[in-house]
Amino acid sequence: MLPKPIQNFVDLFAKLPSIGPRQATRLAFYIKTLGDAPVADLAKAVDDLRNVKICPQCFFSYLGPKNTCDICNNNQRRKDIIAIVEKETDLISLEKTKKFSGRYLVLGELKKDGVLDSLQKLRLSSLKKMIDKDLGGQAEEIILAMNPTTYGDLNAALILQDLKGRVKKISRLGIGLPTGGEIEFADEDTLGNAIDNRG
C-alpha cells in the first residue's frame, strides 16, 4: 500500500530508539512534504555521519584529522580523573555544566540484567590499560556517572569491583539527580550540583 521509498524509510527508521513503525510513517510523510531541497539536505546530513570517528581512548564521537577527540587531546584536562558515562548524550550533558575538567569513558548503554556486554568489557579493559600505561597503575578518581536507577546502581557496583586497585577514590554523582532520572534530561544546574556533591 505504501510507496516503496516510504516503506523502506519506515522499515529503517522504526528500528531507531523511541521510534516505532507508526512514528516512522509519520516522519516519512512529513519529510516528503518539505520539498526536494530539505529532503536532500537531510539525506546529506545522514550521509555525513559516515565521516564521524569514535575516539579510541574515551569512545566519544569526533570529526577531524586527529587520532583522538578534542577532550582527550586537551592537555588542560586531568588524565587522572575519569568519569564513566553510559551514553554520549550523558557526556554532552556533563560537559555543559563546565564543572568537570577530567576525562571520560563512554561505556555504552547498560542492560537491565546487570551484565556488561563484550564491547563494554573491552572498553573497561582499555581504560585499565590506559591507567596502567599513563598513570602508573592508579587513577586519582573515577566517577561512576550512571543514571540513579536500580540497574544503574547494579552496573556501577560491577564496575567498582572491576576497577578496584587501579584508583584511589571511586565516587558517584551526588545529590541533585533524582532516583529513576536520566542524566541526559537533567538541567545544567542539577548536573553541576551532582558533580560538586559526588561521593
N, C-alpha and C. Protein backbone atom coordinates (compact mmCIF):
# COMPACT_ATOMS: atom_id res chain seq x y z
N MET A 1 0.82 -1.20 0.00
CA MET A 1 0.00 0.00 0.00
C MET A 1 0.86 1.26 0.00
N LEU A 2 1.94 1.26 0.81
CA LEU A 2 2.84 2.42 0.84
C LEU A 2 3.78 2.36 -0.36
N PRO A 3 4.12 3.53 -0.93
CA PRO A 3 5.15 3.53 -1.98
C PRO A 3 6.45 2.96 -1.42
N LYS A 4 7.20 2.24 -2.25
CA LYS A 4 8.40 1.54 -1.80
C LYS A 4 9.39 2.44 -1.06
N PRO A 5 9.70 3.68 -1.54
CA PRO A 5 10.64 4.54 -0.81
C PRO A 5 10.16 4.86 0.61
N ILE A 6 8.87 5.07 0.77
CA ILE A 6 8.33 5.36 2.11
C ILE A 6 8.41 4.12 2.99
N GLN A 7 8.07 2.95 2.42
CA GLN A 7 8.15 1.71 3.20
C GLN A 7 9.58 1.42 3.64
N ASN A 8 10.54 1.67 2.75
CA ASN A 8 11.95 1.48 3.10
C ASN A 8 12.36 2.41 4.25
N PHE A 9 11.92 3.67 4.16
CA PHE A 9 12.18 4.65 5.22
C PHE A 9 11.60 4.15 6.54
N VAL A 10 10.34 3.73 6.51
CA VAL A 10 9.65 3.25 7.72
C VAL A 10 10.38 2.05 8.31
N ASP A 11 10.76 1.11 7.46
CA ASP A 11 11.44 -0.10 7.93
C ASP A 11 12.75 0.24 8.65
N LEU A 12 13.50 1.21 8.10
CA LEU A 12 14.79 1.58 8.70
C LEU A 12 14.61 2.44 9.94
N PHE A 13 13.77 3.46 9.88
CA PHE A 13 13.63 4.39 10.99
C PHE A 13 12.88 3.78 12.17
N ALA A 14 12.04 2.80 11.93
CA ALA A 14 11.32 2.14 13.03
C ALA A 14 12.26 1.40 13.96
N LYS A 15 13.49 1.11 13.51
CA LYS A 15 14.48 0.42 14.34
C LYS A 15 15.22 1.37 15.28
N LEU A 16 15.06 2.68 15.08
CA LEU A 16 15.76 3.65 15.92
C LEU A 16 15.12 3.74 17.30
N PRO A 17 15.91 4.15 18.33
CA PRO A 17 15.35 4.26 19.69
C PRO A 17 14.17 5.23 19.72
N SER A 18 13.14 4.86 20.42
CA SER A 18 11.94 5.68 20.66
C SER A 18 11.11 5.94 19.42
N ILE A 19 11.40 5.27 18.32
CA ILE A 19 10.61 5.44 17.10
C ILE A 19 10.11 4.07 16.67
N GLY A 20 8.82 3.91 16.62
CA GLY A 20 8.23 2.67 16.14
C GLY A 20 7.71 2.86 14.72
N PRO A 21 7.02 1.86 14.19
CA PRO A 21 6.51 1.95 12.81
C PRO A 21 5.56 3.13 12.59
N ARG A 22 4.69 3.40 13.55
CA ARG A 22 3.73 4.50 13.38
C ARG A 22 4.43 5.85 13.32
N GLN A 23 5.38 6.08 14.24
CA GLN A 23 6.13 7.34 14.25
C GLN A 23 7.00 7.47 12.99
N ALA A 24 7.60 6.36 12.56
CA ALA A 24 8.43 6.38 11.35
C ALA A 24 7.58 6.72 10.12
N THR A 25 6.36 6.22 10.07
CA THR A 25 5.46 6.52 8.96
C THR A 25 5.12 8.01 8.95
N ARG A 26 4.80 8.55 10.11
CA ARG A 26 4.51 10.00 10.22
C ARG A 26 5.71 10.82 9.75
N LEU A 27 6.91 10.43 10.21
CA LEU A 27 8.12 11.14 9.81
C LEU A 27 8.32 11.11 8.29
N ALA A 28 8.12 9.95 7.69
CA ALA A 28 8.31 9.81 6.24
C ALA A 28 7.40 10.77 5.48
N PHE A 29 6.13 10.79 5.85
CA PHE A 29 5.20 11.67 5.14
C PHE A 29 5.49 13.14 5.43
N TYR A 30 5.88 13.45 6.66
CA TYR A 30 6.22 14.85 6.98
C TYR A 30 7.44 15.31 6.19
N ILE A 31 8.49 14.48 6.18
CA ILE A 31 9.71 14.85 5.47
C ILE A 31 9.43 15.03 3.98
N LYS A 32 8.59 14.19 3.42
CA LYS A 32 8.26 14.30 1.98
C LYS A 32 7.58 15.63 1.69
N THR A 33 6.78 16.17 2.62
CA THR A 33 6.10 17.44 2.39
C THR A 33 7.04 18.63 2.42
N LEU A 34 8.27 18.44 2.90
CA LEU A 34 9.21 19.56 2.99
C LEU A 34 9.72 20.03 1.64
N GLY A 35 9.68 19.17 0.65
CA GLY A 35 10.18 19.53 -0.68
C GLY A 35 11.54 18.91 -0.94
N ASP A 36 11.98 19.01 -2.18
CA ASP A 36 13.20 18.33 -2.61
C ASP A 36 14.47 18.83 -1.91
N ALA A 37 14.64 20.15 -1.78
CA ALA A 37 15.88 20.70 -1.20
C ALA A 37 16.05 20.28 0.26
N PRO A 38 15.04 20.44 1.12
CA PRO A 38 15.21 19.98 2.51
C PRO A 38 15.43 18.47 2.63
N VAL A 39 14.78 17.68 1.76
CA VAL A 39 14.99 16.23 1.79
C VAL A 39 16.43 15.91 1.42
N ALA A 40 16.96 16.61 0.41
CA ALA A 40 18.36 16.41 0.01
C ALA A 40 19.30 16.81 1.14
N ASP A 41 18.99 17.92 1.85
CA ASP A 41 19.82 18.35 2.99
C ASP A 41 19.81 17.31 4.10
N LEU A 42 18.64 16.77 4.36
CA LEU A 42 18.51 15.73 5.40
C LEU A 42 19.29 14.48 5.01
N ALA A 43 19.18 14.08 3.74
CA ALA A 43 19.90 12.90 3.26
C ALA A 43 21.41 13.12 3.38
N LYS A 44 21.88 14.33 3.06
CA LYS A 44 23.31 14.64 3.18
C LYS A 44 23.76 14.61 4.64
N ALA A 45 22.91 15.15 5.55
CA ALA A 45 23.25 15.15 6.98
C ALA A 45 23.40 13.71 7.49
N VAL A 46 22.51 12.83 7.07
CA VAL A 46 22.61 11.42 7.47
C VAL A 46 23.86 10.79 6.85
N ASP A 47 24.11 11.07 5.58
CA ASP A 47 25.28 10.52 4.90
C ASP A 47 26.58 11.00 5.55
N ASP A 48 26.61 12.25 6.00
CA ASP A 48 27.81 12.81 6.63
C ASP A 48 28.18 12.11 7.94
N LEU A 49 27.22 11.43 8.53
CA LEU A 49 27.52 10.69 9.76
C LEU A 49 28.60 9.63 9.54
N ARG A 50 28.79 9.22 8.30
CA ARG A 50 29.82 8.22 8.00
C ARG A 50 31.22 8.76 8.25
N ASN A 51 31.37 10.10 8.27
CA ASN A 51 32.68 10.72 8.48
C ASN A 51 33.05 10.86 9.96
N VAL A 52 32.10 10.60 10.83
CA VAL A 52 32.34 10.74 12.27
C VAL A 52 33.11 9.52 12.76
N LYS A 53 34.17 9.78 13.55
CA LYS A 53 35.00 8.70 14.10
C LYS A 53 34.68 8.50 15.58
N ILE A 54 35.08 7.36 16.09
CA ILE A 54 34.95 7.08 17.52
C ILE A 54 36.34 7.17 18.13
N CYS A 55 36.48 7.98 19.18
CA CYS A 55 37.77 8.14 19.85
C CYS A 55 38.21 6.81 20.45
N PRO A 56 39.43 6.38 20.18
CA PRO A 56 39.89 5.10 20.72
C PRO A 56 40.21 5.13 22.22
N GLN A 57 40.23 6.34 22.82
CA GLN A 57 40.50 6.44 24.26
C GLN A 57 39.23 6.51 25.09
N CYS A 58 38.30 7.41 24.69
CA CYS A 58 37.10 7.59 25.52
C CYS A 58 35.83 7.07 24.85
N PHE A 59 35.91 6.79 23.54
CA PHE A 59 34.80 6.25 22.75
C PHE A 59 33.68 7.26 22.51
N PHE A 60 34.05 8.57 22.51
CA PHE A 60 33.15 9.64 22.14
C PHE A 60 33.33 9.91 20.65
N SER A 61 32.30 10.39 19.99
CA SER A 61 32.38 10.68 18.56
C SER A 61 33.10 12.00 18.31
N TYR A 62 33.84 12.04 17.21
CA TYR A 62 34.53 13.28 16.83
C TYR A 62 34.77 13.31 15.34
N LEU A 63 35.08 14.51 14.85
CA LEU A 63 35.37 14.70 13.44
C LEU A 63 36.68 15.45 13.35
N GLY A 64 37.57 14.99 12.53
CA GLY A 64 38.82 15.71 12.37
C GLY A 64 39.98 14.80 12.06
N PRO A 65 41.11 15.43 11.75
CA PRO A 65 42.28 14.65 11.35
C PRO A 65 43.04 14.02 12.51
N LYS A 66 42.73 14.42 13.76
CA LYS A 66 43.46 13.91 14.92
C LYS A 66 43.09 12.45 15.18
N ASN A 67 43.93 11.80 15.98
CA ASN A 67 43.67 10.39 16.31
C ASN A 67 42.72 10.21 17.47
N THR A 68 42.50 11.28 18.25
CA THR A 68 41.58 11.23 19.39
C THR A 68 40.70 12.48 19.38
N CYS A 69 39.66 12.47 20.21
CA CYS A 69 38.72 13.58 20.25
C CYS A 69 39.34 14.81 20.92
N ASP A 70 38.64 15.94 20.85
CA ASP A 70 39.15 17.19 21.43
C ASP A 70 39.31 17.09 22.95
N ILE A 71 38.46 16.34 23.61
CA ILE A 71 38.56 16.20 25.08
C ILE A 71 39.84 15.45 25.44
N CYS A 72 40.08 14.33 24.79
CA CYS A 72 41.29 13.54 25.08
C CYS A 72 42.56 14.27 24.62
N ASN A 73 42.44 15.13 23.62
CA ASN A 73 43.59 15.89 23.12
C ASN A 73 43.92 17.12 23.96
N ASN A 74 43.02 17.49 24.85
CA ASN A 74 43.18 18.72 25.63
C ASN A 74 44.12 18.48 26.82
N ASN A 75 45.31 19.05 26.76
CA ASN A 75 46.30 18.88 27.83
C ASN A 75 45.93 19.60 29.12
N GLN A 76 44.94 20.48 29.07
CA GLN A 76 44.48 21.18 30.27
C GLN A 76 43.57 20.31 31.13
N ARG A 77 43.09 19.23 30.57
CA ARG A 77 42.19 18.35 31.32
C ARG A 77 43.00 17.30 32.07
N ARG A 78 42.51 16.93 33.25
CA ARG A 78 43.22 15.95 34.08
C ARG A 78 43.00 14.55 33.55
N LYS A 79 44.11 13.86 33.33
CA LYS A 79 44.04 12.46 32.87
C LYS A 79 43.70 11.51 34.00
N ASP A 80 43.99 11.92 35.24
CA ASP A 80 43.86 11.00 36.37
C ASP A 80 42.48 11.02 37.02
N ILE A 81 41.56 11.83 36.49
CA ILE A 81 40.17 11.82 36.96
C ILE A 81 39.30 11.48 35.76
N ILE A 82 38.57 10.38 35.85
CA ILE A 82 37.81 9.87 34.71
C ILE A 82 36.36 9.66 35.13
N ALA A 83 35.45 10.21 34.34
CA ALA A 83 34.02 9.97 34.55
C ALA A 83 33.57 8.89 33.56
N ILE A 84 33.00 7.83 34.09
CA ILE A 84 32.45 6.77 33.24
C ILE A 84 30.97 7.05 33.05
N VAL A 85 30.58 7.27 31.79
CA VAL A 85 29.19 7.55 31.46
C VAL A 85 28.64 6.43 30.60
N GLU A 86 27.33 6.36 30.57
CA GLU A 86 26.68 5.31 29.79
C GLU A 86 26.63 5.68 28.31
N LYS A 87 26.14 6.90 28.02
CA LYS A 87 25.90 7.30 26.64
C LYS A 87 26.64 8.59 26.31
N GLU A 88 26.83 8.82 25.02
CA GLU A 88 27.47 10.06 24.57
C GLU A 88 26.65 11.28 24.97
N THR A 89 25.33 11.14 25.00
CA THR A 89 24.49 12.26 25.39
C THR A 89 24.69 12.61 26.87
N ASP A 90 25.06 11.63 27.70
CA ASP A 90 25.38 11.91 29.10
C ASP A 90 26.66 12.74 29.19
N LEU A 91 27.66 12.39 28.38
CA LEU A 91 28.91 13.15 28.34
C LEU A 91 28.62 14.60 27.95
N ILE A 92 27.81 14.80 26.91
CA ILE A 92 27.47 16.15 26.46
C ILE A 92 26.80 16.93 27.58
N SER A 93 25.88 16.29 28.29
CA SER A 93 25.17 16.96 29.39
C SER A 93 26.14 17.36 30.50
N LEU A 94 27.08 16.48 30.86
CA LEU A 94 28.06 16.81 31.89
C LEU A 94 28.99 17.93 31.43
N GLU A 95 29.37 17.93 30.17
CA GLU A 95 30.25 18.98 29.64
C GLU A 95 29.58 20.35 29.70
N LYS A 96 28.28 20.40 29.50
CA LYS A 96 27.56 21.68 29.53
C LYS A 96 27.63 22.36 30.89
N THR A 97 27.86 21.59 31.94
CA THR A 97 27.93 22.19 33.28
C THR A 97 29.22 22.99 33.46
N LYS A 98 30.26 22.68 32.67
CA LYS A 98 31.59 23.31 32.78
C LYS A 98 32.20 23.13 34.18
N LYS A 99 31.82 22.04 34.85
CA LYS A 99 32.32 21.78 36.20
C LYS A 99 33.27 20.60 36.26
N PHE A 100 33.44 19.90 35.17
CA PHE A 100 34.27 18.70 35.17
C PHE A 100 35.45 18.91 34.24
N SER A 101 36.65 18.74 34.76
CA SER A 101 37.85 19.00 33.95
C SER A 101 38.69 17.75 33.73
N GLY A 102 38.08 16.59 33.92
CA GLY A 102 38.81 15.34 33.71
C GLY A 102 38.51 14.75 32.35
N ARG A 103 38.73 13.45 32.24
CA ARG A 103 38.48 12.72 31.01
C ARG A 103 37.24 11.85 31.18
N TYR A 104 36.85 11.18 30.11
CA TYR A 104 35.64 10.35 30.12
C TYR A 104 35.93 8.96 29.58
N LEU A 105 34.99 8.07 29.87
CA LEU A 105 34.89 6.78 29.18
C LEU A 105 33.40 6.58 28.91
N VAL A 106 33.03 6.49 27.62
CA VAL A 106 31.65 6.20 27.24
C VAL A 106 31.53 4.68 27.18
N LEU A 107 30.80 4.14 28.13
CA LEU A 107 30.73 2.69 28.29
C LEU A 107 29.78 2.03 27.31
N GLY A 108 28.70 2.71 26.98
CA GLY A 108 27.65 2.12 26.15
C GLY A 108 26.43 1.86 27.00
N GLU A 109 25.29 1.78 26.35
CA GLU A 109 24.02 1.65 27.07
C GLU A 109 24.00 0.40 27.94
N LEU A 110 23.67 0.59 29.21
CA LEU A 110 23.67 -0.51 30.18
C LEU A 110 22.40 -1.34 30.06
N LYS A 111 22.57 -2.62 30.24
CA LYS A 111 21.44 -3.54 30.20
C LYS A 111 20.80 -3.62 31.59
N LYS A 112 19.54 -3.99 31.60
CA LYS A 112 18.82 -4.06 32.87
C LYS A 112 19.12 -5.32 33.66
N ASP A 113 19.85 -6.26 33.05
CA ASP A 113 20.15 -7.50 33.76
C ASP A 113 21.42 -7.40 34.60
N GLY A 114 22.09 -6.24 34.55
CA GLY A 114 23.29 -6.06 35.36
C GLY A 114 24.51 -6.79 34.84
N VAL A 115 24.50 -7.14 33.56
CA VAL A 115 25.64 -7.82 32.95
C VAL A 115 26.23 -6.92 31.88
N LEU A 116 27.54 -6.71 31.93
CA LEU A 116 28.20 -5.92 30.91
C LEU A 116 28.41 -6.78 29.67
N ASP A 117 28.14 -6.21 28.49
CA ASP A 117 28.35 -6.98 27.27
C ASP A 117 29.83 -6.95 26.88
N SER A 118 30.18 -7.68 25.83
CA SER A 118 31.60 -7.82 25.46
C SER A 118 32.22 -6.49 25.06
N LEU A 119 31.47 -5.62 24.39
CA LEU A 119 32.01 -4.31 23.99
C LEU A 119 32.30 -3.46 25.22
N GLN A 120 31.40 -3.48 26.19
CA GLN A 120 31.61 -2.72 27.43
C GLN A 120 32.82 -3.25 28.20
N LYS A 121 32.99 -4.55 28.22
CA LYS A 121 34.15 -5.13 28.89
C LYS A 121 35.45 -4.72 28.19
N LEU A 122 35.42 -4.66 26.85
CA LEU A 122 36.59 -4.20 26.09
C LEU A 122 36.92 -2.74 26.42
N ARG A 123 35.89 -1.93 26.54
CA ARG A 123 36.10 -0.51 26.86
C ARG A 123 36.68 -0.34 28.26
N LEU A 124 36.19 -1.12 29.21
CA LEU A 124 36.76 -1.07 30.56
C LEU A 124 38.21 -1.56 30.55
N SER A 125 38.47 -2.58 29.76
CA SER A 125 39.83 -3.09 29.64
C SER A 125 40.75 -2.03 29.06
N SER A 126 40.25 -1.26 28.09
CA SER A 126 41.02 -0.17 27.50
C SER A 126 41.34 0.89 28.55
N LEU A 127 40.36 1.19 29.42
CA LEU A 127 40.58 2.16 30.49
C LEU A 127 41.66 1.65 31.46
N LYS A 128 41.60 0.38 31.81
CA LYS A 128 42.59 -0.19 32.73
C LYS A 128 44.00 -0.13 32.13
N LYS A 129 44.10 -0.40 30.83
CA LYS A 129 45.41 -0.32 30.16
C LYS A 129 45.93 1.11 30.17
N MET A 130 45.04 2.08 29.94
CA MET A 130 45.45 3.49 29.97
C MET A 130 45.93 3.88 31.37
N ILE A 131 45.22 3.42 32.39
CA ILE A 131 45.62 3.72 33.78
C ILE A 131 46.99 3.11 34.06
N ASP A 132 47.19 1.89 33.62
CA ASP A 132 48.49 1.23 33.84
C ASP A 132 49.61 1.94 33.10
N LYS A 133 49.36 2.29 31.84
CA LYS A 133 50.41 2.87 31.00
C LYS A 133 50.68 4.34 31.31
N ASP A 134 49.63 5.15 31.40
CA ASP A 134 49.79 6.61 31.52
C ASP A 134 49.78 7.13 32.95
N LEU A 135 49.22 6.36 33.87
CA LEU A 135 49.07 6.86 35.24
C LEU A 135 49.80 6.00 36.27
N GLY A 136 50.71 5.16 35.81
CA GLY A 136 51.48 4.34 36.73
C GLY A 136 50.65 3.33 37.50
N GLY A 137 49.50 2.95 36.94
CA GLY A 137 48.70 1.89 37.56
C GLY A 137 47.60 2.36 38.49
N GLN A 138 47.50 3.69 38.71
CA GLN A 138 46.45 4.15 39.62
C GLN A 138 45.94 5.54 39.25
N ALA A 139 44.63 5.64 39.04
CA ALA A 139 43.98 6.93 38.79
C ALA A 139 43.69 7.59 40.13
N GLU A 140 43.55 8.89 40.12
CA GLU A 140 43.20 9.64 41.33
C GLU A 140 41.74 9.39 41.71
N GLU A 141 40.85 9.51 40.71
CA GLU A 141 39.42 9.33 40.98
C GLU A 141 38.72 8.85 39.72
N ILE A 142 37.78 7.95 39.93
CA ILE A 142 36.87 7.55 38.87
C ILE A 142 35.46 7.83 39.36
N ILE A 143 34.73 8.59 38.55
CA ILE A 143 33.35 8.94 38.88
C ILE A 143 32.44 8.02 38.06
N LEU A 144 31.63 7.23 38.75
CA LEU A 144 30.67 6.36 38.08
C LEU A 144 29.41 7.19 37.84
N ALA A 145 29.34 7.80 36.66
CA ALA A 145 28.26 8.73 36.33
C ALA A 145 27.14 8.01 35.60
N MET A 146 26.58 7.02 36.28
CA MET A 146 25.46 6.26 35.73
C MET A 146 24.15 6.86 36.23
N ASN A 147 23.08 6.57 35.49
CA ASN A 147 21.77 7.04 35.93
C ASN A 147 21.43 6.40 37.28
N PRO A 148 20.82 7.18 38.18
CA PRO A 148 20.49 6.67 39.51
C PRO A 148 19.24 5.78 39.49
N THR A 149 19.38 4.63 38.85
CA THR A 149 18.30 3.65 38.77
C THR A 149 18.81 2.35 39.38
N THR A 150 17.93 1.41 39.55
CA THR A 150 18.32 0.12 40.13
C THR A 150 19.40 -0.54 39.28
N TYR A 151 19.19 -0.59 37.96
CA TYR A 151 20.19 -1.25 37.12
C TYR A 151 21.44 -0.39 36.96
N GLY A 152 21.31 0.95 37.08
CA GLY A 152 22.49 1.81 37.08
C GLY A 152 23.35 1.52 38.29
N ASP A 153 22.70 1.35 39.45
CA ASP A 153 23.42 1.02 40.69
C ASP A 153 24.07 -0.36 40.59
N LEU A 154 23.36 -1.30 40.01
CA LEU A 154 23.88 -2.67 39.87
C LEU A 154 25.13 -2.68 38.99
N ASN A 155 25.05 -2.00 37.85
CA ASN A 155 26.20 -1.94 36.96
C ASN A 155 27.35 -1.15 37.57
N ALA A 156 27.05 -0.09 38.32
CA ALA A 156 28.10 0.68 38.99
C ALA A 156 28.85 -0.21 39.98
N ALA A 157 28.12 -1.08 40.68
CA ALA A 157 28.76 -2.00 41.63
C ALA A 157 29.70 -2.97 40.91
N LEU A 158 29.28 -3.46 39.74
CA LEU A 158 30.13 -4.36 38.96
C LEU A 158 31.40 -3.66 38.49
N ILE A 159 31.25 -2.42 38.02
CA ILE A 159 32.40 -1.65 37.53
C ILE A 159 33.34 -1.32 38.67
N LEU A 160 32.77 -0.98 39.82
CA LEU A 160 33.58 -0.69 41.01
C LEU A 160 34.48 -1.88 41.35
N GLN A 161 33.91 -3.08 41.34
CA GLN A 161 34.69 -4.29 41.62
C GLN A 161 35.81 -4.48 40.59
N ASP A 162 35.48 -4.20 39.33
CA ASP A 162 36.44 -4.41 38.24
C ASP A 162 37.62 -3.43 38.30
N LEU A 163 37.38 -2.23 38.84
CA LEU A 163 38.43 -1.21 38.85
C LEU A 163 39.18 -1.09 40.17
N LYS A 164 38.77 -1.86 41.16
CA LYS A 164 39.44 -1.80 42.47
C LYS A 164 40.93 -2.04 42.30
N GLY A 165 41.73 -1.27 43.04
CA GLY A 165 43.17 -1.41 42.97
C GLY A 165 43.81 -0.51 41.93
N ARG A 166 42.99 0.04 41.02
CA ARG A 166 43.54 0.92 39.99
C ARG A 166 43.12 2.37 40.21
N VAL A 167 42.52 2.66 41.34
CA VAL A 167 42.04 4.02 41.60
C VAL A 167 42.05 4.29 43.09
N LYS A 168 42.43 5.52 43.45
CA LYS A 168 42.44 5.90 44.87
C LYS A 168 41.03 6.12 45.40
N LYS A 169 40.17 6.72 44.57
CA LYS A 169 38.82 7.05 45.01
C LYS A 169 37.82 6.76 43.90
N ILE A 170 36.75 6.06 44.24
CA ILE A 170 35.65 5.84 43.30
C ILE A 170 34.43 6.53 43.88
N SER A 171 33.80 7.40 43.06
CA SER A 171 32.65 8.15 43.54
C SER A 171 31.48 8.01 42.57
N ARG A 172 30.32 8.43 43.04
CA ARG A 172 29.10 8.51 42.20
C ARG A 172 28.68 9.97 42.16
N LEU A 173 27.86 10.32 41.20
CA LEU A 173 27.33 11.68 41.17
C LEU A 173 26.52 11.91 42.44
N GLY A 174 26.59 13.14 42.95
CA GLY A 174 25.98 13.45 44.24
C GLY A 174 24.52 13.84 44.16
N ILE A 175 24.07 14.44 45.25
CA ILE A 175 22.68 14.86 45.37
C ILE A 175 22.36 15.82 44.25
N GLY A 176 21.17 15.68 43.73
CA GLY A 176 20.76 16.53 42.64
C GLY A 176 20.05 15.73 41.57
N LEU A 177 20.46 14.50 41.37
CA LEU A 177 19.78 13.65 40.39
C LEU A 177 18.76 12.78 41.11
N PRO A 178 17.50 12.84 40.70
CA PRO A 178 16.50 12.01 41.37
C PRO A 178 16.66 10.54 41.00
N THR A 179 16.31 9.67 41.93
CA THR A 179 16.33 8.23 41.64
C THR A 179 15.36 7.95 40.51
N GLY A 180 15.82 7.20 39.54
CA GLY A 180 15.00 6.89 38.39
C GLY A 180 15.13 7.91 37.26
N GLY A 181 15.85 9.01 37.52
CA GLY A 181 16.03 10.05 36.50
C GLY A 181 17.13 9.69 35.52
N GLU A 182 17.24 10.45 34.45
CA GLU A 182 18.27 10.21 33.45
C GLU A 182 19.15 11.45 33.31
N ILE A 183 20.45 11.24 33.27
CA ILE A 183 21.43 12.32 33.16
C ILE A 183 21.15 13.18 31.95
N GLU A 184 20.84 12.55 30.84
CA GLU A 184 20.65 13.25 29.57
C GLU A 184 19.60 14.36 29.69
N PHE A 185 18.58 14.17 30.52
CA PHE A 185 17.48 15.11 30.60
C PHE A 185 17.57 16.08 31.79
N ALA A 186 18.61 15.98 32.58
CA ALA A 186 18.77 16.87 33.72
C ALA A 186 19.27 18.23 33.25
N ASP A 187 18.86 19.29 33.96
CA ASP A 187 19.33 20.62 33.59
C ASP A 187 20.76 20.83 34.10
N GLU A 188 21.41 21.89 33.60
CA GLU A 188 22.82 22.11 33.90
C GLU A 188 23.08 22.36 35.38
N ASP A 189 22.18 23.09 36.06
CA ASP A 189 22.37 23.37 37.49
C ASP A 189 22.30 22.07 38.31
N THR A 190 21.32 21.22 37.98
CA THR A 190 21.18 19.95 38.70
C THR A 190 22.42 19.09 38.50
N LEU A 191 22.90 19.01 37.26
CA LEU A 191 24.10 18.22 36.98
C LEU A 191 25.34 18.82 37.64
N GLY A 192 25.41 20.16 37.63
CA GLY A 192 26.55 20.81 38.30
C GLY A 192 26.59 20.49 39.78
N ASN A 193 25.42 20.51 40.44
CA ASN A 193 25.34 20.14 41.86
C ASN A 193 25.70 18.68 42.06
N ALA A 194 25.29 17.82 41.13
CA ALA A 194 25.60 16.40 41.25
C ALA A 194 27.11 16.16 41.18
N ILE A 195 27.79 16.92 40.29
CA ILE A 195 29.25 16.78 40.19
C ILE A 195 29.91 17.32 41.46
N ASP A 196 29.47 18.50 41.91
CA ASP A 196 30.07 19.11 43.11
C ASP A 196 29.88 18.25 44.35
N ASN A 197 28.73 17.57 44.47
CA ASN A 197 28.39 16.82 45.67
C ASN A 197 28.58 15.33 45.53
N ARG A 198 29.41 14.93 44.57
CA ARG A 198 29.59 13.49 44.39
C ARG A 198 30.26 12.87 45.60
N GLY A 199 30.01 11.63 45.82
CA GLY A 199 30.62 10.97 46.96
C GLY A 199 30.53 9.49 46.86
